[in-house]
Amino acid sequence: MHKLLWGAVLALMLVGCDAPREQVTVHEREAVPDNLSAWHVVEAIDGKLTLNERVVPYDLNTALFTDYAHKLRTVWMPEGTSAAYGADDFDYPVGTVISKTFYYPLAEDGSVLRTDDYSGDFAGSGLNLERVKLIETRILVKRDDGWQALPYVWNDQQTDAVLEIAGDAKRLKLVSTDGSAEEFTYVVPDFNQCAGCHADNHTEKAIRPIGPRARHLNKEYTYQSGKENQLSYWQQVGFLSGLPELSGVPQNVNFKDTEVALAERARSYLDINCGHCHNPNGPADTSGLMLAHDEQDLRRLGVCKPPVAAGTGSGDRRFAIVPGHPEESIINFRVESTDPGAMMPELGRSLVHEEGAELLHNWIAGMPGNCSKS
């Protein structure tokens, strides 16, 4: 049944690819290739960044902010294997390859665009390389002993990406729809920095995927065959087992969806951008500030909570969240800062996410209560 479905899917996904493709290749940990193309997951072919057989694109309800970069996310699993559903995390089979390609739509002068519009990015299921500037593709591959993270940086010709264990930095000019522009440095994390976000359990120190979890994936995606809930689709193609009724699956929201309660949007934003560190087992566990989706204690969430350690990171403000007063709240100071000693998240951005900062400002501004007795 799965093979029949895959046949229909691939007929749609590989339109325009006349030449036979090599299958996805999972290289040994000690012999990872220098070039992204050797994985055969996503490859630049005939002016498109093309997905290989059984490589499935996916999206998140609310995504981690990375300097306004657009992202093409994919997952592939060895034939005959599937991930086991878990409400908080999936148990992915050995050999799973997850990719995330960071890119920007191109402006006419060669600068990059700050836009939420993805409509001009795609050619079929892949990216139109005449319309986008590729920056990097990160590979997460599941080994017998855990996940391995590998950063690949695209060359200027957009023909292939090269493994850069030490990371990279690219100077870019970001142009907004109103014509305003700013220059910034896009930083590709080095191998060790990957663990700064992906090792969300400080005790285990093990890298694991952040985005492809039930609450982030529980949404519709527009496949070439039509719209469908991503979790249901993964189950149909054999990538997910044990999926309960969707009504029982957790779901974060789109932080931009103004029809959803402001608090839900803010919590979803904090969860994906901050919760991988600020959770009871995360690297920021000693801060006492818990920003993951399931935190219910207002004090641990930051309301009237003083910082464990003062300094530049506090902005001389007394509490993480002061109800009704974002201008007095440490959270707002840190997300609105670009000072490396103060900004949050610490990695993955050089710019302020203006929309995210505005969301948190409005959320805290509307909170009832005060900290007069704290």
Protein backbone atom coordinates (compact mmCIF):
# COMPACT_ATOMS: atom_id res chain seq x y z
CA MET A 1 0.00 0.00 0.00
CA HIS A 2 2.78 2.37 0.93
CA LYS A 3 4.66 1.60 -2.29
CA LEU A 4 1.58 2.44 -4.38
CA LEU A 5 1.14 5.72 -2.56
CA TRP A 6 4.81 6.57 -2.96
CA GLY A 7 4.52 5.96 -6.67
CA ALA A 8 1.80 8.56 -6.94
CA VAL A 9 3.68 11.00 -4.74
CA LEU A 10 6.92 10.66 -6.65
CA ALA A 11 5.23 11.15 -9.98
CA LEU A 12 4.27 14.57 -8.70
CA MET A 13 7.45 15.40 -6.81
CA LEU A 14 9.91 14.54 -9.54
CA VAL A 15 8.27 16.21 -12.53
CA GLY A 16 10.95 17.54 -14.82
CA CYS A 17 13.68 15.19 -13.55
CA ASP A 18 14.36 12.99 -16.57
CA ALA A 19 17.69 11.60 -15.45
CA PRO A 20 17.60 8.75 -12.90
CA ARG A 21 18.63 9.82 -9.42
CA GLU A 22 20.96 8.04 -7.07
CA GLN A 23 19.16 6.99 -3.91
CA VAL A 24 19.60 8.78 -0.60
CA THR A 25 22.92 7.65 0.87
CA VAL A 26 23.50 7.51 4.61
CA HIS A 27 27.24 7.83 5.15
CA GLU A 28 29.03 6.50 8.21
CA ARG A 29 29.82 8.95 11.02
CA GLU A 30 33.56 8.67 10.36
CA ALA A 31 33.18 9.13 6.60
CA VAL A 32 30.76 12.01 6.13
CA PRO A 33 31.20 13.56 2.67
CA ASP A 34 32.56 17.03 2.00
CA ASN A 35 29.67 17.79 -0.36
CA LEU A 36 25.97 17.88 0.39
CA SER A 37 25.16 16.35 -2.98
CA ALA A 38 26.74 13.04 -1.88
CA TRP A 39 23.80 12.52 0.49
CA HIS A 40 21.34 12.76 -2.45
CA VAL A 41 18.67 14.25 -0.19
CA VAL A 42 18.33 17.67 -1.82
CA GLU A 43 20.42 18.51 -4.90
CA ALA A 44 20.79 21.36 -7.36
CA ILE A 45 19.60 19.93 -10.69
CA ASP A 46 18.61 21.92 -13.80
CA GLY A 47 18.17 25.18 -11.93
CA LYS A 48 16.17 23.70 -9.05
CA LEU A 49 16.95 22.49 -5.57
CA THR A 50 15.21 19.15 -5.97
CA LEU A 51 14.00 16.60 -3.44
CA ASN A 52 14.92 12.96 -3.98
CA GLU A 53 12.64 9.92 -3.81
CA ARG A 54 10.81 9.51 -0.49
CA VAL A 55 12.17 12.83 0.78
CA VAL A 56 9.16 14.58 2.31
CA PRO A 57 8.96 18.35 2.87
CA TYR A 58 7.39 19.64 6.07
CA ASP A 59 6.65 22.87 7.92
CA LEU A 60 6.03 24.04 11.51
CA ASN A 61 3.15 25.92 13.11
CA THR A 62 5.59 28.50 14.45
CA ALA A 63 9.24 28.30 13.47
CA LEU A 64 12.49 29.36 15.09
CA PHE A 65 13.52 32.82 13.89
CA THR A 66 16.77 32.95 11.91
CA ASP A 67 17.36 36.48 10.59
CA TYR A 68 14.26 36.33 8.37
CA ALA A 69 15.66 33.39 6.39
CA HIS A 70 13.19 31.13 4.60
CA LYS A 71 13.56 27.41 5.22
CA LEU A 72 12.93 24.23 3.27
CA ARG A 73 12.67 21.33 5.70
CA THR A 74 12.72 17.66 4.70
CA VAL A 75 12.69 14.23 6.29
CA TRP A 76 13.70 10.83 4.90
CA MET A 77 13.72 7.41 6.54
CA PRO A 78 15.09 4.07 5.35
CA GLU A 79 12.49 2.01 3.54
CA GLY A 80 10.47 -0.19 5.88
CA THR A 81 11.12 1.97 8.95
CA SER A 82 9.04 4.61 10.70
CA ALA A 83 9.17 6.98 13.63
CA ALA A 84 7.19 5.96 16.73
CA TYR A 85 4.76 8.65 17.83
CA GLY A 86 5.27 10.36 21.16
CA ALA A 87 3.32 13.37 22.38
CA ASP A 88 6.53 15.28 23.18
CA ASP A 89 9.09 13.56 20.97
CA PHE A 90 9.21 10.96 18.21
CA ASP A 91 11.48 7.92 18.34
CA TYR A 92 13.09 8.16 14.92
CA PRO A 93 14.65 5.07 13.34
CA VAL A 94 18.39 4.78 12.83
CA GLY A 95 19.25 6.14 9.40
CA THR A 96 16.72 8.99 9.46
CA VAL A 97 18.01 12.08 7.64
CA ILE A 98 16.47 15.46 8.39
CA SER A 99 17.54 18.46 6.34
CA LYS A 100 16.89 22.18 6.68
CA THR A 101 17.94 24.54 3.91
CA PHE A 102 18.18 28.23 4.78
CA TYR A 103 17.74 30.67 1.92
CA TYR A 104 16.36 34.08 0.97
CA PRO A 105 14.26 35.29 -1.96
CA LEU A 106 16.41 37.42 -4.25
CA ALA A 107 15.90 41.10 -4.98
CA GLU A 108 16.66 42.42 -8.48
CA ASP A 109 19.96 43.97 -7.36
CA GLY A 110 21.19 40.72 -5.81
CA SER A 111 20.39 41.63 -2.22
CA VAL A 112 18.00 39.43 -0.26
CA LEU A 113 14.38 40.10 0.59
CA ARG A 114 12.70 40.32 3.94
CA THR A 115 9.30 38.84 3.17
CA ASP A 116 6.81 36.27 4.45
CA ASP A 117 5.78 35.45 0.88
CA TYR A 118 6.99 31.99 -0.18
CA SER A 119 4.99 31.88 -3.42
CA GLY A 120 7.89 32.77 -5.70
CA ASP A 121 10.39 30.41 -4.07
CA PHE A 122 9.25 27.09 -5.44
CA ALA A 123 9.44 25.21 -8.71
CA GLY A 124 7.36 22.11 -8.10
CA SER A 125 8.37 20.72 -4.72
CA GLY A 126 11.89 22.19 -4.97
CA LEU A 127 13.34 25.70 -4.98
CA ASN A 128 13.74 27.87 -8.08
CA LEU A 129 17.44 28.74 -7.96
CA GLU A 130 16.94 31.79 -10.16
CA ARG A 131 14.69 33.31 -7.50
CA VAL A 132 16.49 32.45 -4.28
CA LYS A 133 19.91 32.71 -2.64
CA LEU A 134 20.91 29.51 -0.85
CA ILE A 135 22.91 30.00 2.34
CA GLU A 136 23.28 26.67 4.13
CA THR A 137 21.77 23.21 4.53
CA ARG A 138 21.96 21.51 7.92
CA ILE A 139 21.81 17.73 8.07
CA LEU A 140 20.71 15.75 11.12
CA VAL A 141 21.30 12.02 10.75
CA LYS A 142 20.25 9.40 13.32
CA ARG A 143 23.09 7.03 14.24
CA ASP A 144 23.09 3.94 16.45
CA ASP A 145 24.44 6.11 19.27
CA GLY A 146 22.34 9.23 18.64
CA TRP A 147 22.04 12.17 16.25
CA GLN A 148 24.87 13.81 14.33
CA ALA A 149 24.60 17.43 13.11
CA LEU A 150 26.44 18.57 9.97
CA PRO A 151 26.46 22.14 8.53
CA TYR A 152 26.90 22.54 4.75
CA VAL A 153 27.45 25.98 3.18
CA TRP A 154 26.35 26.66 -0.40
CA ASN A 155 28.83 27.93 -2.98
CA ASP A 156 28.17 31.16 -4.90
CA GLN A 157 27.22 29.23 -8.04
CA GLN A 158 24.53 27.33 -6.08
CA THR A 159 25.72 24.03 -7.54
CA ASP A 160 26.61 22.34 -4.24
CA ALA A 161 27.22 22.94 -0.55
CA VAL A 162 30.44 22.16 1.30
CA LEU A 163 30.82 20.79 4.83
CA GLU A 164 32.02 23.56 7.15
CA ILE A 165 32.63 22.10 10.61
CA ALA A 166 33.94 25.48 11.79
CA GLY A 167 30.83 27.30 10.53
CA ASP A 168 30.84 30.38 8.33
CA ALA A 169 29.67 34.00 8.15
CA LYS A 170 28.07 35.78 5.19
CA ARG A 171 27.58 39.52 4.87
CA LEU A 172 24.14 40.24 3.39
CA LYS A 173 21.88 43.21 2.68
CA LEU A 174 18.26 42.61 3.68
CA VAL A 175 15.68 44.68 1.80
CA SER A 176 12.13 45.10 3.11
CA THR A 177 8.99 45.55 1.02
CA ASP A 178 8.96 49.27 1.87
CA GLY A 179 12.41 49.65 0.30
CA SER A 180 14.35 50.06 3.54
CA ALA A 181 17.52 48.00 3.84
CA GLU A 182 20.01 46.91 6.46
CA GLU A 183 23.27 45.03 6.27
CA PHE A 184 23.92 42.17 8.64
CA THR A 185 26.10 39.11 9.12
CA TYR A 186 24.39 35.76 8.76
CA VAL A 187 26.27 33.28 10.97
CA VAL A 188 26.38 29.58 10.13
CA PRO A 189 26.92 27.76 13.45
CA ASP A 190 29.93 25.54 13.90
CA PHE A 191 29.63 21.86 14.75
CA ASN A 192 29.77 22.43 18.51
CA GLN A 193 27.23 25.27 18.47
CA CYS A 194 24.62 22.93 17.02
CA ALA A 195 24.37 21.37 20.46
CA GLY A 196 23.61 24.79 21.93
CA CYS A 197 20.04 24.40 20.69
CA HIS A 198 19.64 20.74 19.80
CA ALA A 199 20.90 19.30 23.10
CA ASP A 200 17.71 20.28 24.90
CA ASN A 201 18.42 17.90 27.79
CA HIS A 202 21.39 19.31 29.69
CA THR A 203 21.96 16.07 31.61
CA GLU A 204 22.01 13.76 28.60
CA LYS A 205 23.73 16.36 26.36
CA ALA A 206 22.36 14.45 23.37
CA ILE A 207 21.47 16.19 20.12
CA ARG A 208 17.91 15.65 18.90
CA PRO A 209 15.49 17.30 16.48
CA ILE A 210 13.56 20.32 17.78
CA GLY A 211 11.04 21.12 15.05
CA PRO A 212 9.65 17.77 13.86
CA ARG A 213 7.62 17.01 16.96
CA ALA A 214 3.88 16.47 17.21
CA ARG A 215 2.84 19.94 18.41
CA HIS A 216 4.89 21.69 15.73
CA LEU A 217 3.91 19.36 12.87
CA ASN A 218 0.18 19.20 13.65
CA LYS A 219 -0.97 21.42 10.78
CA GLU A 220 -1.95 21.24 7.13
CA TYR A 221 0.74 21.31 4.45
CA THR A 222 0.17 21.94 0.76
CA TYR A 223 1.72 18.94 -0.97
CA GLN A 224 1.65 18.76 -4.75
CA SER A 225 -1.17 16.27 -4.34
CA GLY A 226 -3.17 18.74 -2.22
CA LYS A 227 -3.54 19.90 1.37
CA GLU A 228 -3.31 17.38 4.18
CA ASN A 229 -2.44 17.25 7.86
CA GLN A 230 1.28 16.52 8.03
CA LEU A 231 1.02 13.86 10.74
CA SER A 232 -1.67 12.01 8.81
CA TYR A 233 0.46 12.23 5.69
CA TRP A 234 3.53 10.87 7.47
CA GLN A 235 1.41 7.95 8.68
CA GLN A 236 0.08 7.27 5.17
CA VAL A 237 3.55 7.12 3.61
CA GLY A 238 4.90 4.93 6.39
CA PHE A 239 7.00 7.53 8.24
CA LEU A 240 4.97 7.52 11.46
CA SER A 241 3.43 4.74 13.56
CA GLY A 242 1.17 4.90 16.60
CA LEU A 243 -0.49 8.20 15.68
CA PRO A 244 -3.62 8.71 17.83
CA GLU A 245 -6.73 10.59 16.72
CA LEU A 246 -5.69 14.11 15.76
CA SER A 247 -8.07 15.51 18.36
CA GLY A 248 -5.76 14.05 21.00
CA VAL A 249 -2.51 15.37 19.49
CA PRO A 250 -0.98 18.56 20.98
CA GLN A 251 -0.82 21.56 18.70
CA ASN A 252 1.06 24.82 18.85
CA VAL A 253 -0.38 27.76 16.93
CA ASN A 254 0.89 30.10 14.25
CA PHE A 255 2.16 33.13 16.15
CA LYS A 256 0.93 35.39 13.32
CA ASP A 257 -2.65 34.12 13.43
CA THR A 258 -4.55 37.05 14.93
CA GLU A 259 -7.70 34.94 15.25
CA VAL A 260 -5.97 32.97 18.00
CA ALA A 261 -5.69 34.27 21.58
CA LEU A 262 -2.64 36.48 22.12
CA ALA A 263 -1.37 34.34 25.02
CA GLU A 264 -1.45 31.16 22.89
CA ARG A 265 0.50 32.88 20.15
CA ALA A 266 3.10 34.22 22.59
CA ARG A 267 3.51 30.84 24.30
CA SER A 268 3.98 29.06 20.96
CA TYR A 269 6.58 31.64 19.98
CA LEU A 270 8.48 31.26 23.25
CA ASP A 271 8.26 27.47 23.04
CA ILE A 272 9.99 27.11 19.67
CA ASN A 273 12.45 30.00 20.13
CA CYS A 274 13.34 29.59 23.81
CA GLY A 275 11.88 26.37 25.21
CA HIS A 276 14.68 24.09 24.00
CA CYS A 277 16.97 25.83 26.53
CA HIS A 278 14.49 27.15 29.08
CA ASN A 279 12.98 23.89 30.29
CA PRO A 280 13.59 21.84 33.47
CA ASN A 281 16.21 19.68 31.71
CA GLY A 282 17.64 22.27 29.33
CA PRO A 283 20.91 24.22 29.25
CA ALA A 284 19.16 27.17 30.96
CA ASP A 285 17.66 25.06 33.76
CA THR A 286 19.60 26.94 36.45
CA SER A 287 17.95 30.22 35.42
CA GLY A 288 14.63 29.05 36.85
CA LEU A 289 12.91 30.59 33.81
CA MET A 290 10.87 27.91 32.06
CA LEU A 291 9.43 28.87 28.65
CA ALA A 292 8.41 25.50 27.18
CA HIS A 293 4.84 24.91 26.02
CA ASP A 294 3.70 22.92 29.07
CA GLU A 295 4.82 25.31 31.83
CA GLN A 296 1.86 26.40 33.99
CA ASP A 297 3.58 28.05 36.97
CA LEU A 298 3.45 31.81 36.32
CA ARG A 299 6.50 32.47 38.46
CA ARG A 300 8.58 29.93 36.53
CA LEU A 301 7.21 31.45 33.34
CA GLY A 302 8.81 34.71 34.47
CA VAL A 303 5.96 36.69 36.00
CA CYS A 304 7.50 38.83 38.77
CA LYS A 305 10.55 36.51 38.74
CA PRO A 306 13.91 38.18 39.46
CA PRO A 307 16.96 36.95 37.52
CA VAL A 308 19.25 34.39 39.13
CA ALA A 309 22.25 36.45 38.05
CA ALA A 310 22.11 40.18 37.32
CA GLY A 311 24.29 41.95 34.79
CA THR A 312 24.10 43.20 31.23
CA GLY A 313 21.61 40.46 30.38
CA SER A 314 19.01 41.96 32.69
CA GLY A 315 19.18 45.47 31.28
CA ASP A 316 19.00 46.67 34.90
CA ARG A 317 15.40 45.45 35.02
CA ARG A 318 14.14 43.65 38.11
CA PHE A 319 11.85 40.93 36.74
CA ALA A 320 11.61 38.69 33.68
CA ILE A 321 7.98 39.75 33.17
CA VAL A 322 6.30 42.74 34.78
CA PRO A 323 2.57 42.48 33.99
CA GLY A 324 1.42 45.48 32.00
CA HIS A 325 4.96 46.80 31.56
CA PRO A 326 7.05 45.30 28.75
CA GLU A 327 9.40 48.29 29.02
CA GLU A 328 10.34 47.03 32.51
CA SER A 329 10.53 43.32 31.60
CA ILE A 330 13.82 41.49 31.06
CA ILE A 331 12.33 39.19 28.40
CA ASN A 332 11.51 42.17 26.21
CA PHE A 333 14.94 43.69 26.74
CA ARG A 334 16.69 40.51 25.67
CA VAL A 335 14.60 39.74 22.56
CA GLU A 336 14.93 43.37 21.44
CA SER A 337 18.72 43.42 21.89
CA THR A 338 21.47 42.57 19.41
CA ASP A 339 24.22 42.78 22.03
CA PRO A 340 25.87 39.31 22.12
CA GLY A 341 26.09 39.59 25.91
CA ALA A 342 22.39 40.22 26.34
CA MET A 343 20.34 39.02 23.39
CA MET A 344 18.14 35.97 23.41
CA PRO A 345 18.23 33.54 21.78
CA GLU A 346 22.01 33.60 22.03
CA LEU A 347 22.53 31.76 18.73
CA GLY A 348 20.90 31.89 15.33
CA ARG A 349 20.27 35.57 14.89
CA SER A 350 22.05 38.87 14.30
CA LEU A 351 18.84 40.89 13.81
CA VAL A 352 15.86 41.67 16.02
CA HIS A 353 12.74 39.74 15.05
CA GLU A 354 10.46 42.76 15.00
CA GLU A 355 7.23 40.79 14.66
CA GLY A 356 8.17 38.46 17.52
CA ALA A 357 9.25 41.37 19.72
CA GLU A 358 5.95 43.15 19.02
CA LEU A 359 4.00 39.99 19.90
CA LEU A 360 5.73 39.64 23.27
CA HIS A 361 5.37 43.36 23.93
CA ASN A 362 1.61 43.21 23.36
CA TRP A 363 1.24 40.02 25.40
CA ILE A 364 2.99 41.42 28.45
CA ALA A 365 1.36 44.84 28.07
CA GLY A 366 -2.05 43.18 28.34
CA MET A 367 -1.24 41.04 31.40
CA PRO A 368 -3.18 41.87 34.58
CA GLY A 369 -1.51 42.25 37.96
CA ASN A 370 1.68 43.85 39.23
CA CYS A 371 4.91 43.00 41.04
CA SER A 372 4.54 45.45 43.91
CA LYS A 373 4.71 42.68 46.55
CA SER A 374 7.55 40.73 44.93
